């Protein structure tokens, strides 16, 4: 597979962040919607494998198929733009502002949530035959996940909240590494292999991914799992989003940027040709 050195693909990270900030509202939301929907399908797929085989490792091995599809198609996850968009601001790209970064994050959040919620409804409908019976074993398993990863954290109080936050950090350390590693190669097989490895780690280790949770927990609520919307927001989604932001930036975005890319201002100064000296 064709390999790019870190100094090359980190520049591509900054370029990608800049392009996302200046993308139209329509395109940003549509791409985020599709990313949330595909990742939700992949989570449903992996849980179905786990339930039918009793082997979580098999589900983890196959879950990355959804992640690779959505990134090869150019769709955007919140976990990815958490890392890429701020780099364009740090690099002092013309016209890039904090407001632009926050706008991008907000639009991608909305799109991801809408896509994941769509698949959550479809899953709940399918596993209950249109809400006319109790959920099947896959639907039951998804409902149990929602309870365990809200009330389970709440039972430990502050320690549970910190644990949740750290799992969010660890998650986006791996997921954002997958986003970046897709830029290491210029071939499809190379991109897929590079992305597959860190996504496998995150899913098997049961770290907390904000977009996957946008599918899992609304699904559980639709299937009448024993937790509330407030439980979901306070004891999962909000701390997970914050953990994803901190983990992705601290462990992936900033470490690569600060060690492999000079600031845009320095590059522009160095690009100015030296004045000619008369002979």
Protein backbone atom coordinates (compact mmCIF):
# COMPACT_ATOMS: atom_id res chain seq x y z
CA UNK A 1 0.00 0.00 0.00
CA UNK A 2 1.22 3.52 -0.75
CA UNK A 3 2.34 5.18 2.49
CA UNK A 4 2.49 8.88 3.35
CA UNK A 5 4.90 10.18 5.97
CA UNK A 6 3.39 11.91 9.03
CA UNK A 7 4.44 15.37 7.82
CA UNK A 8 2.42 14.75 4.66
CA UNK A 9 -0.77 13.29 6.12
CA UNK A 10 -0.90 15.79 9.00
CA UNK A 11 -1.01 18.59 6.44
CA UNK A 12 -3.92 16.70 4.87
CA UNK A 13 -5.61 16.71 8.30
CA UNK A 14 -5.42 20.50 8.44
CA UNK A 15 -6.67 20.80 4.86
CA UNK A 16 -9.60 18.50 5.68
CA UNK A 17 -10.50 20.54 8.75
CA UNK A 18 -10.49 23.75 6.71
CA UNK A 19 -12.74 22.27 4.03
CA UNK A 20 -15.25 21.08 6.64
CA UNK A 21 -15.51 24.52 8.23
CA UNK A 22 -16.32 26.16 4.89
CA UNK A 23 -18.74 23.44 3.74
CA UNK A 24 -22.34 24.54 3.21
CA UNK A 25 -24.94 23.87 5.89
CA UNK A 26 -26.88 21.53 3.60
CA UNK A 27 -23.87 19.41 2.68
CA UNK A 28 -22.58 19.27 6.26
CA UNK A 29 -25.91 18.07 7.67
CA UNK A 30 -26.53 15.53 4.88
CA UNK A 31 -23.06 14.02 5.21
CA UNK A 32 -23.37 13.90 8.98
CA UNK A 33 -26.84 12.33 8.73
CA UNK A 34 -25.52 9.53 6.54
CA UNK A 35 -22.52 8.99 8.81
CA UNK A 36 -24.76 8.63 11.87
CA UNK A 37 -27.09 6.25 10.04
CA UNK A 38 -24.32 4.01 8.70
CA UNK A 39 -22.53 3.84 12.05
CA UNK A 40 -25.83 2.97 13.75
CA UNK A 41 -26.39 0.16 11.24
CA UNK A 42 -22.89 -1.11 11.96
CA UNK A 43 -23.58 -1.11 15.71
CA UNK A 44 -26.85 -2.99 15.16
CA UNK A 45 -24.96 -5.44 12.95
CA UNK A 46 -22.23 -6.02 15.54
CA UNK A 47 -24.70 -6.52 18.40
CA UNK A 48 -26.66 -9.00 16.27
CA UNK A 49 -23.42 -10.96 15.74
CA UNK A 50 -22.64 -10.86 19.45
CA UNK A 51 -26.11 -12.11 20.39
CA UNK A 52 -26.20 -14.87 17.76
CA UNK A 53 -22.66 -16.15 18.28
CA UNK A 54 -21.99 -15.30 21.91
CA UNK A 55 -18.54 -14.09 20.80
CA UNK A 56 -18.03 -10.31 21.28
CA UNK A 57 -14.69 -10.47 19.49
CA UNK A 58 -16.40 -11.44 16.23
CA UNK A 59 -18.73 -8.45 16.46
CA UNK A 60 -15.76 -6.18 17.19
CA UNK A 61 -13.84 -7.60 14.23
CA UNK A 62 -16.72 -6.82 11.86
CA UNK A 63 -18.03 -3.53 13.31
CA UNK A 64 -15.36 -1.44 11.49
CA UNK A 65 -17.05 -2.24 8.15
CA UNK A 66 -19.49 0.60 8.86
CA UNK A 67 -16.77 3.06 9.82
CA UNK A 68 -14.73 2.34 6.71
CA UNK A 69 -17.78 2.69 4.46
CA UNK A 70 -18.80 6.07 5.81
CA UNK A 71 -15.30 7.53 5.62
CA UNK A 72 -14.62 6.20 2.14
CA UNK A 73 -17.87 7.92 1.10
CA UNK A 74 -16.75 11.22 2.62
CA UNK A 75 -19.32 11.38 5.43
CA UNK A 76 -18.54 13.02 8.78
CA UNK A 77 -18.76 11.90 12.40
CA UNK A 78 -18.66 14.25 15.36
CA UNK A 79 -15.66 12.37 16.71
CA UNK A 80 -13.73 13.13 13.51
CA UNK A 81 -14.53 16.84 13.24
CA UNK A 82 -13.67 17.27 16.92
CA UNK A 83 -10.09 16.64 15.84
CA UNK A 84 -9.84 18.01 12.30
CA UNK A 85 -11.72 21.32 12.42
CA UNK A 86 -9.74 22.94 15.28
CA UNK A 87 -6.47 22.24 13.48
CA UNK A 88 -7.42 24.65 10.70
CA UNK A 89 -7.92 27.37 13.34
CA UNK A 90 -4.65 26.53 15.08
CA UNK A 91 -2.91 26.68 11.70
CA UNK A 92 -4.30 30.20 11.19
CA UNK A 93 -5.99 29.36 7.92
CA UNK A 94 -7.55 32.51 6.39
CA UNK A 95 -11.20 32.98 7.36
CA UNK A 96 -11.23 30.17 9.92
CA UNK A 97 -12.65 31.28 13.28
CA UNK A 98 -13.71 29.66 16.53
CA UNK A 99 -17.28 30.42 15.50
CA UNK A 100 -16.75 28.44 12.30
CA UNK A 101 -15.37 25.49 14.26
CA UNK A 102 -18.34 25.53 16.67
CA UNK A 103 -20.78 25.83 13.76
CA UNK A 104 -19.25 22.76 12.15
CA UNK A 105 -19.44 20.77 15.39
CA UNK A 106 -23.06 21.78 15.96
CA UNK A 107 -24.23 20.88 12.45
CA UNK A 108 -22.44 17.53 12.52
CA UNK A 109 -23.95 16.74 15.93
CA UNK A 110 -27.44 17.46 14.58
CA UNK A 111 -26.88 15.40 11.45
CA UNK A 112 -25.33 12.46 13.31
CA UNK A 113 -28.15 12.42 15.85
CA UNK A 114 -30.84 12.53 13.17
CA UNK A 115 -29.22 9.67 11.24
CA UNK A 116 -28.70 7.51 14.31
CA UNK A 117 -32.24 8.22 15.53
CA UNK A 118 -33.66 7.14 12.17
CA UNK A 119 -31.93 3.78 12.40
CA UNK A 120 -32.92 3.48 16.08
CA UNK A 121 -36.58 3.77 15.08
CA UNK A 122 -36.16 1.27 12.23
CA UNK A 123 -34.41 -1.20 14.53
CA UNK A 124 -37.10 -0.85 17.23
CA UNK A 125 -39.84 -1.30 14.62
CA UNK A 126 -38.23 -4.36 13.02
CA UNK A 127 -37.40 -6.15 16.28
CA UNK A 128 -40.96 -5.72 17.60
CA UNK A 129 -42.91 -6.23 14.34
CA UNK A 130 -44.12 -2.65 14.38
CA UNK A 131 -44.32 -2.39 18.20
CA UNK A 132 -46.93 -5.17 18.32
CA UNK A 133 -44.87 -7.55 20.49
CA UNK A 134 -41.94 -7.60 22.87
CA UNK A 135 -38.52 -7.06 21.25
CA UNK A 136 -36.61 -10.07 19.97
CA UNK A 137 -33.33 -11.12 21.57
CA UNK A 138 -31.33 -8.47 19.70
CA UNK A 139 -33.73 -5.71 20.73
CA UNK A 140 -33.65 -6.96 24.31
CA UNK A 141 -29.84 -6.90 24.30
CA UNK A 142 -29.80 -3.32 23.04
CA UNK A 143 -32.23 -2.27 25.77
CA UNK A 144 -30.01 -3.89 28.40
CA UNK A 145 -26.98 -1.97 27.06
CA UNK A 146 -28.84 1.29 27.62
CA UNK A 147 -29.65 0.43 31.22
CA UNK A 148 -26.19 -0.83 32.09
CA UNK A 149 -24.42 2.18 30.62
CA UNK A 150 -26.59 4.83 32.28
CA UNK A 151 -27.86 3.50 35.60
CA UNK A 152 -24.69 1.43 35.93
CA UNK A 153 -22.54 4.58 35.91
CA UNK A 154 -25.02 6.48 38.10
CA UNK A 155 -24.76 3.80 40.78
CA UNK A 156 -21.10 4.79 41.30
CA UNK A 157 -21.77 8.52 41.60
CA UNK A 158 -18.84 10.82 40.86
CA UNK A 159 -16.53 7.86 40.22
CA UNK A 160 -18.98 6.57 37.63
CA UNK A 161 -19.08 9.98 35.91
CA UNK A 162 -15.28 10.16 35.75
CA UNK A 163 -15.13 6.60 34.44
CA UNK A 164 -17.63 7.48 31.73
CA UNK A 165 -15.63 10.58 30.77
CA UNK A 166 -12.39 8.59 30.58
CA UNK A 167 -14.03 5.93 28.43
CA UNK A 168 -15.12 8.72 26.11
CA UNK A 169 -11.55 9.98 25.96
CA UNK A 170 -10.14 6.55 25.24
CA UNK A 171 -12.77 5.99 22.58
CA UNK A 172 -11.90 9.02 20.51
CA UNK A 173 -8.20 8.43 20.95
CA UNK A 174 -8.79 5.28 18.92
CA UNK A 175 -11.55 6.54 16.61
CA UNK A 176 -9.72 9.73 15.65
CA UNK A 177 -6.61 7.62 15.08
CA UNK A 178 -8.72 5.66 12.59
CA UNK A 179 -9.74 8.91 10.87
CA UNK A 180 -6.11 10.01 10.62
CA UNK A 181 -4.79 6.62 9.55
CA UNK A 182 -7.14 6.68 6.57
CA UNK A 183 -4.92 9.50 5.30
CA UNK A 184 -1.75 7.43 5.62
CA UNK A 185 -2.47 5.48 2.45
CA UNK A 186 -3.56 6.53 -1.03
CA UNK A 187 -5.09 3.14 -1.89
CA UNK A 188 -8.47 1.76 -0.81
CA UNK A 189 -7.08 -1.49 0.71
CA UNK A 190 -4.47 0.53 2.58
CA UNK A 191 -7.05 2.96 3.95
CA UNK A 192 -9.38 0.15 5.03
CA UNK A 193 -6.64 -1.78 6.83
CA UNK A 194 -5.33 1.34 8.56
CA UNK A 195 -8.79 2.36 9.77
CA UNK A 196 -9.78 -1.15 10.84
CA UNK A 197 -7.19 -1.59 13.58
CA UNK A 198 -8.02 1.26 16.00
CA UNK A 199 -11.79 0.89 15.48
CA UNK A 200 -11.55 -2.77 16.44
CA UNK A 201 -9.78 -1.75 19.66
CA UNK A 202 -12.40 0.87 20.61
CA UNK A 203 -15.39 -1.40 20.02
CA UNK A 204 -14.03 -4.50 21.73
CA UNK A 205 -12.88 -2.48 24.76
CA UNK A 206 -16.43 -1.06 25.16
CA UNK A 207 -15.33 2.56 25.13
CA UNK A 208 -18.00 5.26 24.85
CA UNK A 209 -18.66 6.70 21.37
CA UNK A 210 -21.11 9.62 21.29
CA UNK A 211 -22.57 8.75 17.87
CA UNK A 212 -22.94 5.02 18.54
CA UNK A 213 -24.71 6.01 21.75
CA UNK A 214 -27.08 8.24 19.76
CA UNK A 215 -28.36 4.94 18.36
CA UNK A 216 -28.12 2.61 21.37
CA UNK A 217 -29.88 4.70 23.98
CA UNK A 218 -32.81 6.10 21.98
CA UNK A 219 -33.31 2.51 20.79
CA UNK A 220 -33.52 1.34 24.38
CA UNK A 221 -35.99 4.10 25.24
CA UNK A 222 -38.20 3.13 22.27
CA UNK A 223 -38.11 -0.46 23.52
CA UNK A 224 -39.15 0.65 27.03
CA UNK A 225 -35.85 -0.03 28.75
CA UNK A 226 -35.79 1.07 32.39
CA UNK A 227 -33.95 4.37 32.16
CA UNK A 228 -35.07 7.89 31.27
CA UNK A 229 -34.10 10.50 28.70
CA UNK A 230 -32.49 12.48 31.53
CA UNK A 231 -30.49 9.40 32.56
CA UNK A 232 -29.30 9.07 28.98
CA UNK A 233 -28.23 12.72 28.68
CA UNK A 234 -26.60 13.16 32.10
CA UNK A 235 -25.21 9.68 32.62
CA UNK A 236 -24.00 9.03 29.11
CA UNK A 237 -24.34 11.39 26.14
CA UNK A 238 -23.07 14.68 27.56
CA UNK A 239 -20.01 13.27 29.41
CA UNK A 240 -19.27 11.04 26.41
CA UNK A 241 -19.30 14.00 24.01
CA UNK A 242 -16.93 15.91 26.29
CA UNK A 243 -14.65 12.91 26.69
CA UNK A 244 -14.61 12.33 22.93
CA UNK A 245 -13.63 15.99 22.39
CA UNK A 246 -10.80 15.97 24.94
CA UNK A 247 -9.45 12.55 24.01
CA UNK A 248 -9.43 13.15 20.27
CA UNK A 249 -7.74 16.52 20.50
CA UNK A 250 -5.27 15.68 23.27
CA UNK A 251 -4.12 12.26 22.11
CA UNK A 252 -4.41 12.59 18.33
CA UNK A 253 -4.93 16.05 16.87
CA UNK A 254 -2.61 18.18 18.97
CA UNK A 255 0.15 15.61 19.35
CA UNK A 256 0.44 15.06 15.60
CA UNK A 257 0.01 18.74 14.73
CA UNK A 258 2.56 20.10 17.18
CA UNK A 259 5.25 17.60 16.20
CA UNK A 260 4.80 17.41 12.43
CA UNK A 261 3.38 20.71 11.14
CA UNK A 262 4.71 24.24 11.37
CA UNK A 263 2.12 26.97 11.76
CA UNK A 264 0.57 28.45 8.69
CA UNK A 265 2.06 31.85 9.56
CA UNK A 266 5.58 30.42 9.57
CA UNK A 267 5.03 28.63 6.30
CA UNK A 268 3.75 31.79 4.66
CA UNK A 269 6.75 33.80 5.88
CA UNK A 270 9.17 31.17 4.66
CA UNK A 271 7.40 31.00 1.34
CA UNK A 272 8.12 34.68 0.60
CA UNK A 273 11.18 34.81 -1.70
CA UNK A 274 14.21 36.62 -0.36
CA UNK A 275 14.90 40.03 -1.94
CA UNK A 276 17.48 40.05 -4.65
CA UNK A 277 20.80 41.71 -3.85
CA UNK A 278 22.27 43.83 -6.62
CA UNK A 279 25.52 42.47 -7.99
